[in-house]
């Protein structure tokens, strides 16, 4: 029988989560291709009865940064959802499908910022799991990158 963590705030749970995160980060530092995280989660005794809330097509999509296309050509940008250390997030709707997504606007002020965003896109392309927010699309302008993520 699989062990389930009862208290996500317990020291045992936090230690397992830290160990799992360290393992995933180390794997992705040198990873050349995507891999399925589900065995990793199960390895630490976490639940595997995933919700079916992630579109299976998103789990197979490899996003390439679009430098020759504007976000507004594919999406209608909606209300402000929030902001953080790396920019602000707005709701957006895909014109073709009506799908709802989040657009993360990341300002680019230096070469280091540009490298960080490219690294984030590469990592998100490799991390495919129903419990992780999936990258749907990416657009580049002179002073910002826009990451379109599932809501």
C-alpha atoms as a PDB file:
ATOM      1  CA  UNK A   1       0.000   0.000   0.000  1.00  0.00           C
ATOM      2  CA  UNK A   2       1.279   3.423  -0.943  1.00  0.00           C
ATOM      3  CA  UNK A   3       2.111   5.819   1.886  1.00  0.00           C
ATOM      4  CA  UNK A   4       0.314   9.165   1.785  1.00  0.00           C
ATOM      5  CA  UNK A   5       1.528  12.304   3.469  1.00  0.00           C
ATOM      6  CA  UNK A   6      -1.058  13.445   5.970  1.00  0.00           C
ATOM      7  CA  UNK A   7       0.247  16.832   6.992  1.00  0.00           C
ATOM      8  CA  UNK A   8       1.879  18.831   4.193  1.00  0.00           C
ATOM      9  CA  UNK A   9       3.347  21.119   6.839  1.00  0.00           C
ATOM     10  CA  UNK A  10       5.100  18.351   8.786  1.00  0.00           C
ATOM     11  CA  UNK A  11       8.898  18.211   8.909  1.00  0.00           C
ATOM     12  CA  UNK A  12       8.913  14.796   7.207  1.00  0.00           C
ATOM     13  CA  UNK A  13       6.793  16.137   4.322  1.00  0.00           C
ATOM     14  CA  UNK A  14       8.906  19.253   3.925  1.00  0.00           C
ATOM     15  CA  UNK A  15      12.125  17.211   3.906  1.00  0.00           C
ATOM     16  CA  UNK A  16      10.735  14.852   1.264  1.00  0.00           C
ATOM     17  CA  UNK A  17       9.578  17.763  -0.874  1.00  0.00           C
ATOM     18  CA  UNK A  18      12.980  19.486  -0.587  1.00  0.00           C
ATOM     19  CA  UNK A  19      14.744  16.263  -1.543  1.00  0.00           C
ATOM     20  CA  UNK A  20      12.427  15.773  -4.516  1.00  0.00           C
ATOM     21  CA  UNK A  21      12.911  19.355  -5.731  1.00  0.00           C
ATOM     22  CA  UNK A  22      16.701  19.092  -5.398  1.00  0.00           C
ATOM     23  CA  UNK A  23      16.636  15.858  -7.375  1.00  0.00           C
ATOM     24  CA  UNK A  24      14.521  17.385 -10.185  1.00  0.00           C
ATOM     25  CA  UNK A  25      16.676  20.522 -10.373  1.00  0.00           C
ATOM     26  CA  UNK A  26      19.853  18.432 -10.537  1.00  0.00           C
ATOM     27  CA  UNK A  27      18.360  16.255 -13.275  1.00  0.00           C
ATOM     28  CA  UNK A  28      17.444  19.291 -15.350  1.00  0.00           C
ATOM     29  CA  UNK A  29      20.766  21.006 -14.997  1.00  0.00           C
ATOM     30  CA  UNK A  30      22.281  18.553 -17.451  1.00  0.00           C
ATOM     31  CA  UNK A  31      19.164  17.085 -19.082  1.00  0.00           C
ATOM     32  CA  UNK A  32      19.185  16.800 -22.850  1.00  0.00           C
ATOM     33  CA  UNK A  33      15.589  15.648 -23.285  1.00  0.00           C
ATOM     34  CA  UNK A  34      12.262  15.713 -21.502  1.00  0.00           C
ATOM     35  CA  UNK A  35      11.314  12.990 -19.076  1.00  0.00           C
ATOM     36  CA  UNK A  36       8.202  11.987 -17.201  1.00  0.00           C
ATOM     37  CA  UNK A  37       8.107  13.192 -13.606  1.00  0.00           C
ATOM     38  CA  UNK A  38       5.390  10.762 -12.467  1.00  0.00           C
ATOM     39  CA  UNK A  39       7.898   8.111 -11.381  1.00  0.00           C
ATOM     40  CA  UNK A  40       9.748  10.755  -9.379  1.00  0.00           C
ATOM     41  CA  UNK A  41       6.658  11.768  -7.472  1.00  0.00           C
ATOM     42  CA  UNK A  42       5.740   8.149  -6.779  1.00  0.00           C
ATOM     43  CA  UNK A  43       9.292   7.409  -5.620  1.00  0.00           C
ATOM     44  CA  UNK A  44       8.777   9.734  -2.653  1.00  0.00           C
ATOM     45  CA  UNK A  45       5.396   8.293  -1.695  1.00  0.00           C
ATOM     46  CA  UNK A  46       3.204  11.144  -2.884  1.00  0.00           C
ATOM     47  CA  UNK A  47      -0.230  10.530  -4.368  1.00  0.00           C
ATOM     48  CA  UNK A  48      -0.501   9.690  -8.050  1.00  0.00           C
ATOM     49  CA  UNK A  49      -4.262   9.931  -8.603  1.00  0.00           C
ATOM     50  CA  UNK A  50      -3.926  13.058 -10.752  1.00  0.00           C
ATOM     51  CA  UNK A  51      -6.804  15.261 -11.739  1.00  0.00           C
ATOM     52  CA  UNK A  52      -7.553  15.243 -15.426  1.00  0.00           C
ATOM     53  CA  UNK A  53      -7.361  19.046 -15.596  1.00  0.00           C
ATOM     54  CA  UNK A  54      -4.344  19.329 -17.903  1.00  0.00           C
ATOM     55  CA  UNK A  55      -4.985  18.993 -21.626  1.00  0.00           C
ATOM     56  CA  UNK A  56      -2.965  15.934 -22.766  1.00  0.00           C
ATOM     57  CA  UNK A  57      -1.867  17.898 -25.855  1.00  0.00           C
ATOM     58  CA  UNK A  58      -0.085  20.393 -23.590  1.00  0.00           C
ATOM     59  CA  UNK A  59       2.003  17.574 -22.160  1.00  0.00           C
ATOM     60  CA  UNK A  60       3.408  16.878 -25.649  1.00  0.00           C
ATOM     61  CA  UNK A  61       3.881  20.423 -26.915  1.00  0.00           C
ATOM     62  CA  UNK A  62       7.392  21.787 -27.433  1.00  0.00           C
ATOM     63  CA  UNK A  63       7.276  25.596 -27.313  1.00  0.00           C
ATOM     64  CA  UNK A  64       9.588  27.684 -29.474  1.00  0.00           C
ATOM     65  CA  UNK A  65       9.983  31.403 -28.782  1.00  0.00           C
ATOM     66  CA  UNK A  66       8.206  33.388 -31.515  1.00  0.00           C
ATOM     67  CA  UNK A  67      10.203  36.475 -32.400  1.00  0.00           C
ATOM     68  CA  UNK A  68       8.328  37.310 -35.584  1.00  0.00           C
ATOM     69  CA  UNK A  69       4.767  37.244 -34.241  1.00  0.00           C
ATOM     70  CA  UNK A  70       2.808  39.395 -31.792  1.00  0.00           C
ATOM     71  CA  UNK A  71       0.789  37.983 -28.888  1.00  0.00           C
ATOM     72  CA  UNK A  72      -2.227  40.020 -30.053  1.00  0.00           C
ATOM     73  CA  UNK A  73      -2.323  38.113 -33.349  1.00  0.00           C
ATOM     74  CA  UNK A  74      -3.202  34.880 -31.504  1.00  0.00           C
ATOM     75  CA  UNK A  75      -4.651  35.992 -28.147  1.00  0.00           C
ATOM     76  CA  UNK A  76      -7.006  38.554 -26.655  1.00  0.00           C
ATOM     77  CA  UNK A  77      -5.374  39.930 -23.513  1.00  0.00           C
ATOM     78  CA  UNK A  78      -7.773  40.319 -20.587  1.00  0.00           C
ATOM     79  CA  UNK A  79      -7.697  41.410 -16.983  1.00  0.00           C
ATOM     80  CA  UNK A  80      -4.687  41.699 -14.722  1.00  0.00           C
ATOM     81  CA  UNK A  81      -4.242  38.623 -12.502  1.00  0.00           C
ATOM     82  CA  UNK A  82      -1.176  39.537 -10.463  1.00  0.00           C
ATOM     83  CA  UNK A  83       2.508  40.343 -10.406  1.00  0.00           C
ATOM     84  CA  UNK A  84       5.678  39.044  -8.885  1.00  0.00           C
ATOM     85  CA  UNK A  85       9.433  39.323  -8.986  1.00  0.00           C
ATOM     86  CA  UNK A  86       9.603  38.517 -12.703  1.00  0.00           C
ATOM     87  CA  UNK A  87       6.756  40.618 -14.123  1.00  0.00           C
ATOM     88  CA  UNK A  88       2.999  40.715 -14.293  1.00  0.00           C
ATOM     89  CA  UNK A  89       0.375  38.187 -15.353  1.00  0.00           C
ATOM     90  CA  UNK A  90      -2.823  38.795 -17.309  1.00  0.00           C
ATOM     91  CA  UNK A  91      -5.600  36.486 -18.399  1.00  0.00           C
ATOM     92  CA  UNK A  92      -5.723  35.838 -22.148  1.00  0.00           C
ATOM     93  CA  UNK A  93      -7.996  33.977 -24.530  1.00  0.00           C
ATOM     94  CA  UNK A  94      -6.782  32.156 -27.616  1.00  0.00           C
ATOM     95  CA  UNK A  95      -8.628  33.558 -30.628  1.00  0.00           C
ATOM     96  CA  UNK A  96      -8.739  30.292 -32.551  1.00  0.00           C
ATOM     97  CA  UNK A  97      -9.993  27.984 -29.768  1.00  0.00           C
ATOM     98  CA  UNK A  98     -11.375  30.263 -27.049  1.00  0.00           C
ATOM     99  CA  UNK A  99      -9.021  28.556 -24.580  1.00  0.00           C
ATOM    100  CA  UNK A 100      -8.217  30.484 -21.383  1.00  0.00           C
ATOM    101  CA  UNK A 101      -4.575  31.019 -20.470  1.00  0.00           C
ATOM    102  CA  UNK A 102      -2.314  33.236 -18.378  1.00  0.00           C
ATOM    103  CA  UNK A 103       0.154  35.562 -20.122  1.00  0.00           C
ATOM    104  CA  UNK A 104       3.279  36.268 -18.066  1.00  0.00           C
ATOM    105  CA  UNK A 105       4.988  39.493 -19.207  1.00  0.00           C
ATOM    106  CA  UNK A 106       8.684  39.310 -18.293  1.00  0.00           C
ATOM    107  CA  UNK A 107      10.718  42.517 -18.786  1.00  0.00           C
ATOM    108  CA  UNK A 108      14.131  42.050 -20.410  1.00  0.00           C
ATOM    109  CA  UNK A 109      16.680  44.641 -19.303  1.00  0.00           C
ATOM    110  CA  UNK A 110      19.935  42.737 -19.813  1.00  0.00           C
ATOM    111  CA  UNK A 111      21.567  39.755 -21.463  1.00  0.00           C
ATOM    112  CA  UNK A 112      21.285  37.961 -18.111  1.00  0.00           C
ATOM    113  CA  UNK A 113      17.482  38.460 -18.131  1.00  0.00           C
ATOM    114  CA  UNK A 114      17.347  37.102 -21.677  1.00  0.00           C
ATOM    115  CA  UNK A 115      19.355  34.004 -20.694  1.00  0.00           C
ATOM    116  CA  UNK A 116      17.120  33.430 -17.645  1.00  0.00           C
ATOM    117  CA  UNK A 117      13.961  33.485 -19.757  1.00  0.00           C
ATOM    118  CA  UNK A 118      15.456  31.165 -22.373  1.00  0.00           C
ATOM    119  CA  UNK A 119      16.471  28.798 -19.568  1.00  0.00           C
ATOM    120  CA  UNK A 120      12.945  28.929 -18.096  1.00  0.00           C
ATOM    121  CA  UNK A 121      11.447  28.042 -21.495  1.00  0.00           C
ATOM    122  CA  UNK A 122      13.891  25.140 -21.922  1.00  0.00           C
ATOM    123  CA  UNK A 123      13.106  23.773 -18.454  1.00  0.00           C
ATOM    124  CA  UNK A 124       9.345  24.151 -18.902  1.00  0.00           C
ATOM    125  CA  UNK A 125       9.592  22.292 -22.222  1.00  0.00           C
ATOM    126  CA  UNK A 126      11.233  19.378 -20.394  1.00  0.00           C
ATOM    127  CA  UNK A 127       8.989  19.295 -17.330  1.00  0.00           C
ATOM    128  CA  UNK A 128       5.816  17.531 -18.421  1.00  0.00           C
ATOM    129  CA  UNK A 129       3.407  16.511 -15.702  1.00  0.00           C
ATOM    130  CA  UNK A 130      -0.311  17.084 -14.991  1.00  0.00           C
ATOM    131  CA  UNK A 131       0.523  18.715 -11.641  1.00  0.00           C
ATOM    132  CA  UNK A 132       2.868  21.316 -13.154  1.00  0.00           C
ATOM    133  CA  UNK A 133       1.662  24.393 -14.996  1.00  0.00           C
ATOM    134  CA  UNK A 134       2.436  23.854 -18.657  1.00  0.00           C
ATOM    135  CA  UNK A 135       3.942  26.338 -21.067  1.00  0.00           C
ATOM    136  CA  UNK A 136       1.645  26.838 -24.070  1.00  0.00           C
ATOM    137  CA  UNK A 137       3.366  29.520 -26.139  1.00  0.00           C
ATOM    138  CA  UNK A 138       6.089  32.194 -25.973  1.00  0.00           C
ATOM    139  CA  UNK A 139       6.542  35.543 -27.717  1.00  0.00           C
ATOM    140  CA  UNK A 140       9.470  37.932 -27.772  1.00  0.00           C
ATOM    141  CA  UNK A 141       9.555  41.699 -28.137  1.00  0.00           C
ATOM    142  CA  UNK A 142      12.520  44.040 -27.870  1.00  0.00           C
ATOM    143  CA  UNK A 143      12.114  44.698 -24.140  1.00  0.00           C
ATOM    144  CA  UNK A 144      10.022  41.741 -22.903  1.00  0.00           C
ATOM    145  CA  UNK A 145       9.154  38.093 -23.330  1.00  0.00           C
ATOM    146  CA  UNK A 146       5.586  36.874 -22.933  1.00  0.00           C
ATOM    147  CA  UNK A 147       5.055  33.325 -21.693  1.00  0.00           C
ATOM    148  CA  UNK A 148       1.573  31.891 -22.257  1.00  0.00           C
ATOM    149  CA  UNK A 149       0.805  29.359 -19.531  1.00  0.00           C
ATOM    150  CA  UNK A 150      -2.163  27.181 -18.718  1.00  0.00           C
ATOM    151  CA  UNK A 151      -4.452  28.571 -16.032  1.00  0.00           C
END
